[in-house]
């Protein structure tokens, strides 16, 4: 009995199903990813008539209603606890400037402590974040 010998085929990988799976993964991650804007302490900024938008990237310091401070995504209970992080962030920034975002009900004493720290750290520029007048203003009791 004579057997017919078939020509040996090279094994190949079909790439079409692989490409389909990769595209499905890309779509899944693109749809399910969330980007949080303004993550951290929720604050209500006061409004000012002379507010202007800032283009530069200063170090952002956020002061909450209970005196907590957020710097570089980390929340600290006091200015003293945040001093090292503020110093590190200022050294890494080009302009050595601070954007201070304080809740309208924040303790004035905490704001003064941050301003005093900024003076000691030789900050070149300090801005206070506010809303422009006319944007969703609330009364003092709300």
C-alpha atoms as a PDB file:
ATOM      1  CA  UNK A   1       0.000   0.000   0.000  1.00  0.00           C
ATOM      2  CA  UNK A   2       1.316   3.317  -1.027  1.00  0.00           C
ATOM      3  CA  UNK A   3       0.587   6.413   1.064  1.00  0.00           C
ATOM      4  CA  UNK A   4       0.354   9.788  -0.523  1.00  0.00           C
ATOM      5  CA  UNK A   5       2.586  12.199   1.235  1.00  0.00           C
ATOM      6  CA  UNK A   6       1.163  15.672   1.602  1.00  0.00           C
ATOM      7  CA  UNK A   7       3.330  18.698   1.368  1.00  0.00           C
ATOM      8  CA  UNK A   8       4.189  19.977   4.850  1.00  0.00           C
ATOM      9  CA  UNK A   9       2.505  23.317   5.554  1.00  0.00           C
ATOM     10  CA  UNK A  10       4.175  25.921   7.678  1.00  0.00           C
ATOM     11  CA  UNK A  11       2.192  26.755  10.804  1.00  0.00           C
ATOM     12  CA  UNK A  12       0.819  30.298  10.719  1.00  0.00           C
ATOM     13  CA  UNK A  13      -0.891  32.482  13.268  1.00  0.00           C
ATOM     14  CA  UNK A  14      -4.101  34.107  12.176  1.00  0.00           C
ATOM     15  CA  UNK A  15      -3.778  37.762  13.150  1.00  0.00           C
ATOM     16  CA  UNK A  16      -7.346  38.883  12.401  1.00  0.00           C
ATOM     17  CA  UNK A  17      -8.881  37.573  15.652  1.00  0.00           C
ATOM     18  CA  UNK A  18      -5.955  39.006  17.600  1.00  0.00           C
ATOM     19  CA  UNK A  19      -6.522  42.465  16.112  1.00  0.00           C
ATOM     20  CA  UNK A  20     -10.239  42.237  16.939  1.00  0.00           C
ATOM     21  CA  UNK A  21      -9.484  41.399  20.571  1.00  0.00           C
ATOM     22  CA  UNK A  22      -6.962  44.245  20.872  1.00  0.00           C
ATOM     23  CA  UNK A  23      -9.470  46.757  19.465  1.00  0.00           C
ATOM     24  CA  UNK A  24     -12.136  45.513  21.878  1.00  0.00           C
ATOM     25  CA  UNK A  25      -9.725  45.960  24.800  1.00  0.00           C
ATOM     26  CA  UNK A  26      -8.858  49.480  23.672  1.00  0.00           C
ATOM     27  CA  UNK A  27     -12.539  50.394  23.396  1.00  0.00           C
ATOM     28  CA  UNK A  28     -13.282  48.865  26.814  1.00  0.00           C
ATOM     29  CA  UNK A  29     -10.520  50.794  28.570  1.00  0.00           C
ATOM     30  CA  UNK A  30     -11.321  54.048  26.755  1.00  0.00           C
ATOM     31  CA  UNK A  31     -14.984  53.849  27.759  1.00  0.00           C
ATOM     32  CA  UNK A  32     -14.460  52.674  31.330  1.00  0.00           C
ATOM     33  CA  UNK A  33     -11.672  55.111  32.252  1.00  0.00           C
ATOM     34  CA  UNK A  34     -12.768  58.123  34.280  1.00  0.00           C
ATOM     35  CA  UNK A  35     -10.822  61.319  34.616  1.00  0.00           C
ATOM     36  CA  UNK A  36     -11.393  63.243  37.812  1.00  0.00           C
ATOM     37  CA  UNK A  37     -11.075  66.977  37.549  1.00  0.00           C
ATOM     38  CA  UNK A  38     -10.355  68.807  40.763  1.00  0.00           C
ATOM     39  CA  UNK A  39      -9.942  65.683  42.834  1.00  0.00           C
ATOM     40  CA  UNK A  40      -9.277  66.264  46.493  1.00  0.00           C
ATOM     41  CA  UNK A  41     -10.900  68.604  48.948  1.00  0.00           C
ATOM     42  CA  UNK A  42     -14.236  69.988  47.803  1.00  0.00           C
ATOM     43  CA  UNK A  43     -14.206  73.766  48.245  1.00  0.00           C
ATOM     44  CA  UNK A  44     -16.530  76.638  47.401  1.00  0.00           C
ATOM     45  CA  UNK A  45     -14.408  79.454  46.034  1.00  0.00           C
ATOM     46  CA  UNK A  46     -15.382  83.031  46.790  1.00  0.00           C
ATOM     47  CA  UNK A  47     -16.054  85.317  43.840  1.00  0.00           C
ATOM     48  CA  UNK A  48     -14.120  88.395  42.749  1.00  0.00           C
ATOM     49  CA  UNK A  49     -14.817  90.935  40.032  1.00  0.00           C
ATOM     50  CA  UNK A  50     -11.180  91.204  38.944  1.00  0.00           C
ATOM     51  CA  UNK A  51     -10.477  87.471  38.594  1.00  0.00           C
ATOM     52  CA  UNK A  52      -8.318  86.460  35.616  1.00  0.00           C
ATOM     53  CA  UNK A  53      -7.352  83.016  34.345  1.00  0.00           C
ATOM     54  CA  UNK A  54      -3.802  81.815  35.025  1.00  0.00           C
ATOM     55  CA  UNK A  55      -1.803  80.076  32.287  1.00  0.00           C
ATOM     56  CA  UNK A  56       1.178  79.010  34.360  1.00  0.00           C
ATOM     57  CA  UNK A  57       1.440  75.954  36.548  1.00  0.00           C
ATOM     58  CA  UNK A  58       1.890  77.123  40.122  1.00  0.00           C
ATOM     59  CA  UNK A  59       1.868  74.810  43.126  1.00  0.00           C
ATOM     60  CA  UNK A  60      -1.779  74.420  44.125  1.00  0.00           C
ATOM     61  CA  UNK A  61      -2.608  74.509  47.830  1.00  0.00           C
ATOM     62  CA  UNK A  62      -6.224  73.871  48.792  1.00  0.00           C
ATOM     63  CA  UNK A  63      -7.610  74.765  52.232  1.00  0.00           C
ATOM     64  CA  UNK A  64     -10.793  73.015  53.314  1.00  0.00           C
ATOM     65  CA  UNK A  65     -13.511  74.181  55.687  1.00  0.00           C
ATOM     66  CA  UNK A  66     -12.121  72.250  58.655  1.00  0.00           C
ATOM     67  CA  UNK A  67      -8.541  73.480  58.221  1.00  0.00           C
ATOM     68  CA  UNK A  68      -7.228  70.498  56.275  1.00  0.00           C
ATOM     69  CA  UNK A  69      -4.741  71.236  53.488  1.00  0.00           C
ATOM     70  CA  UNK A  70      -4.249  69.486  50.152  1.00  0.00           C
ATOM     71  CA  UNK A  71      -0.941  69.702  48.308  1.00  0.00           C
ATOM     72  CA  UNK A  72       0.085  67.485  45.373  1.00  0.00           C
ATOM     73  CA  UNK A  73      -2.920  65.209  45.865  1.00  0.00           C
ATOM     74  CA  UNK A  74      -2.167  64.546  49.539  1.00  0.00           C
ATOM     75  CA  UNK A  75      -4.319  65.815  52.399  1.00  0.00           C
ATOM     76  CA  UNK A  76      -2.662  67.095  55.566  1.00  0.00           C
ATOM     77  CA  UNK A  77      -4.271  68.045  58.889  1.00  0.00           C
ATOM     78  CA  UNK A  78      -2.224  71.240  59.326  1.00  0.00           C
ATOM     79  CA  UNK A  79       0.163  73.656  57.629  1.00  0.00           C
ATOM     80  CA  UNK A  80       3.048  72.293  59.671  1.00  0.00           C
ATOM     81  CA  UNK A  81       2.417  68.764  58.382  1.00  0.00           C
ATOM     82  CA  UNK A  82       2.294  70.013  54.783  1.00  0.00           C
ATOM     83  CA  UNK A  83       5.431  72.189  54.956  1.00  0.00           C
ATOM     84  CA  UNK A  84       7.819  69.522  53.656  1.00  0.00           C
ATOM     85  CA  UNK A  85       5.593  68.671  50.687  1.00  0.00           C
ATOM     86  CA  UNK A  86       5.037  72.360  49.856  1.00  0.00           C
ATOM     87  CA  UNK A  87       8.815  72.944  49.943  1.00  0.00           C
ATOM     88  CA  UNK A  88       9.454  69.945  47.671  1.00  0.00           C
ATOM     89  CA  UNK A  89       6.768  71.050  45.190  1.00  0.00           C
ATOM     90  CA  UNK A  90       8.097  74.627  45.103  1.00  0.00           C
ATOM     91  CA  UNK A  91      11.637  73.383  44.459  1.00  0.00           C
ATOM     92  CA  UNK A  92      10.319  71.299  41.550  1.00  0.00           C
ATOM     93  CA  UNK A  93       8.270  74.140  40.019  1.00  0.00           C
ATOM     94  CA  UNK A  94       9.888  76.556  37.610  1.00  0.00           C
ATOM     95  CA  UNK A  95       8.201  79.779  38.699  1.00  0.00           C
ATOM     96  CA  UNK A  96       8.149  79.178  42.483  1.00  0.00           C
ATOM     97  CA  UNK A  97       4.574  80.425  42.640  1.00  0.00           C
ATOM     98  CA  UNK A  98       1.561  79.263  44.630  1.00  0.00           C
ATOM     99  CA  UNK A  99      -2.130  79.139  43.743  1.00  0.00           C
ATOM    100  CA  UNK A 100      -4.064  79.227  47.007  1.00  0.00           C
ATOM    101  CA  UNK A 101      -7.561  77.736  46.781  1.00  0.00           C
ATOM    102  CA  UNK A 102      -9.419  78.348  50.010  1.00  0.00           C
ATOM    103  CA  UNK A 103     -13.014  77.491  50.774  1.00  0.00           C
ATOM    104  CA  UNK A 104     -15.103  80.575  51.500  1.00  0.00           C
ATOM    105  CA  UNK A 105     -15.739  79.182  54.987  1.00  0.00           C
ATOM    106  CA  UNK A 106     -12.081  78.261  55.667  1.00  0.00           C
ATOM    107  CA  UNK A 107     -10.392  79.484  58.816  1.00  0.00           C
ATOM    108  CA  UNK A 108      -8.602  82.750  58.213  1.00  0.00           C
ATOM    109  CA  UNK A 109      -5.830  81.662  60.584  1.00  0.00           C
ATOM    110  CA  UNK A 110      -4.918  78.751  58.277  1.00  0.00           C
ATOM    111  CA  UNK A 111      -4.734  81.095  55.275  1.00  0.00           C
ATOM    112  CA  UNK A 112      -2.435  83.433  57.210  1.00  0.00           C
ATOM    113  CA  UNK A 113      -0.205  80.481  58.148  1.00  0.00           C
ATOM    114  CA  UNK A 114       0.096  79.490  54.475  1.00  0.00           C
ATOM    115  CA  UNK A 115       0.904  83.095  53.502  1.00  0.00           C
ATOM    116  CA  UNK A 116       3.541  83.239  56.245  1.00  0.00           C
ATOM    117  CA  UNK A 117       5.043  79.948  55.052  1.00  0.00           C
ATOM    118  CA  UNK A 118       5.118  81.276  51.481  1.00  0.00           C
ATOM    119  CA  UNK A 119       7.063  84.325  52.639  1.00  0.00           C
ATOM    120  CA  UNK A 120       9.562  82.145  54.548  1.00  0.00           C
ATOM    121  CA  UNK A 121      10.036  79.896  51.473  1.00  0.00           C
ATOM    122  CA  UNK A 122      10.712  82.933  49.244  1.00  0.00           C
ATOM    123  CA  UNK A 123       7.749  82.391  46.926  1.00  0.00           C
ATOM    124  CA  UNK A 124       7.918  84.635  43.856  1.00  0.00           C
ATOM    125  CA  UNK A 125       4.180  84.801  43.173  1.00  0.00           C
ATOM    126  CA  UNK A 126       1.004  84.012  45.054  1.00  0.00           C
ATOM    127  CA  UNK A 127      -2.503  83.935  43.602  1.00  0.00           C
ATOM    128  CA  UNK A 128      -5.845  83.414  45.285  1.00  0.00           C
ATOM    129  CA  UNK A 129      -8.331  81.270  43.334  1.00  0.00           C
ATOM    130  CA  UNK A 130     -11.830  82.736  42.986  1.00  0.00           C
ATOM    131  CA  UNK A 131     -14.857  82.481  40.732  1.00  0.00           C
ATOM    132  CA  UNK A 132     -15.731  85.311  38.405  1.00  0.00           C
ATOM    133  CA  UNK A 133     -18.646  87.402  39.587  1.00  0.00           C
ATOM    134  CA  UNK A 134     -21.942  86.385  38.113  1.00  0.00           C
ATOM    135  CA  UNK A 135     -21.179  82.671  38.144  1.00  0.00           C
ATOM    136  CA  UNK A 136     -23.576  80.875  40.467  1.00  0.00           C
ATOM    137  CA  UNK A 137     -23.194  83.169  43.445  1.00  0.00           C
ATOM    138  CA  UNK A 138     -24.557  81.920  46.745  1.00  0.00           C
ATOM    139  CA  UNK A 139     -25.445  83.881  49.795  1.00  0.00           C
ATOM    140  CA  UNK A 140     -23.329  83.822  52.968  1.00  0.00           C
ATOM    141  CA  UNK A 141     -25.625  81.261  54.618  1.00  0.00           C
ATOM    142  CA  UNK A 142     -25.539  78.644  51.874  1.00  0.00           C
END
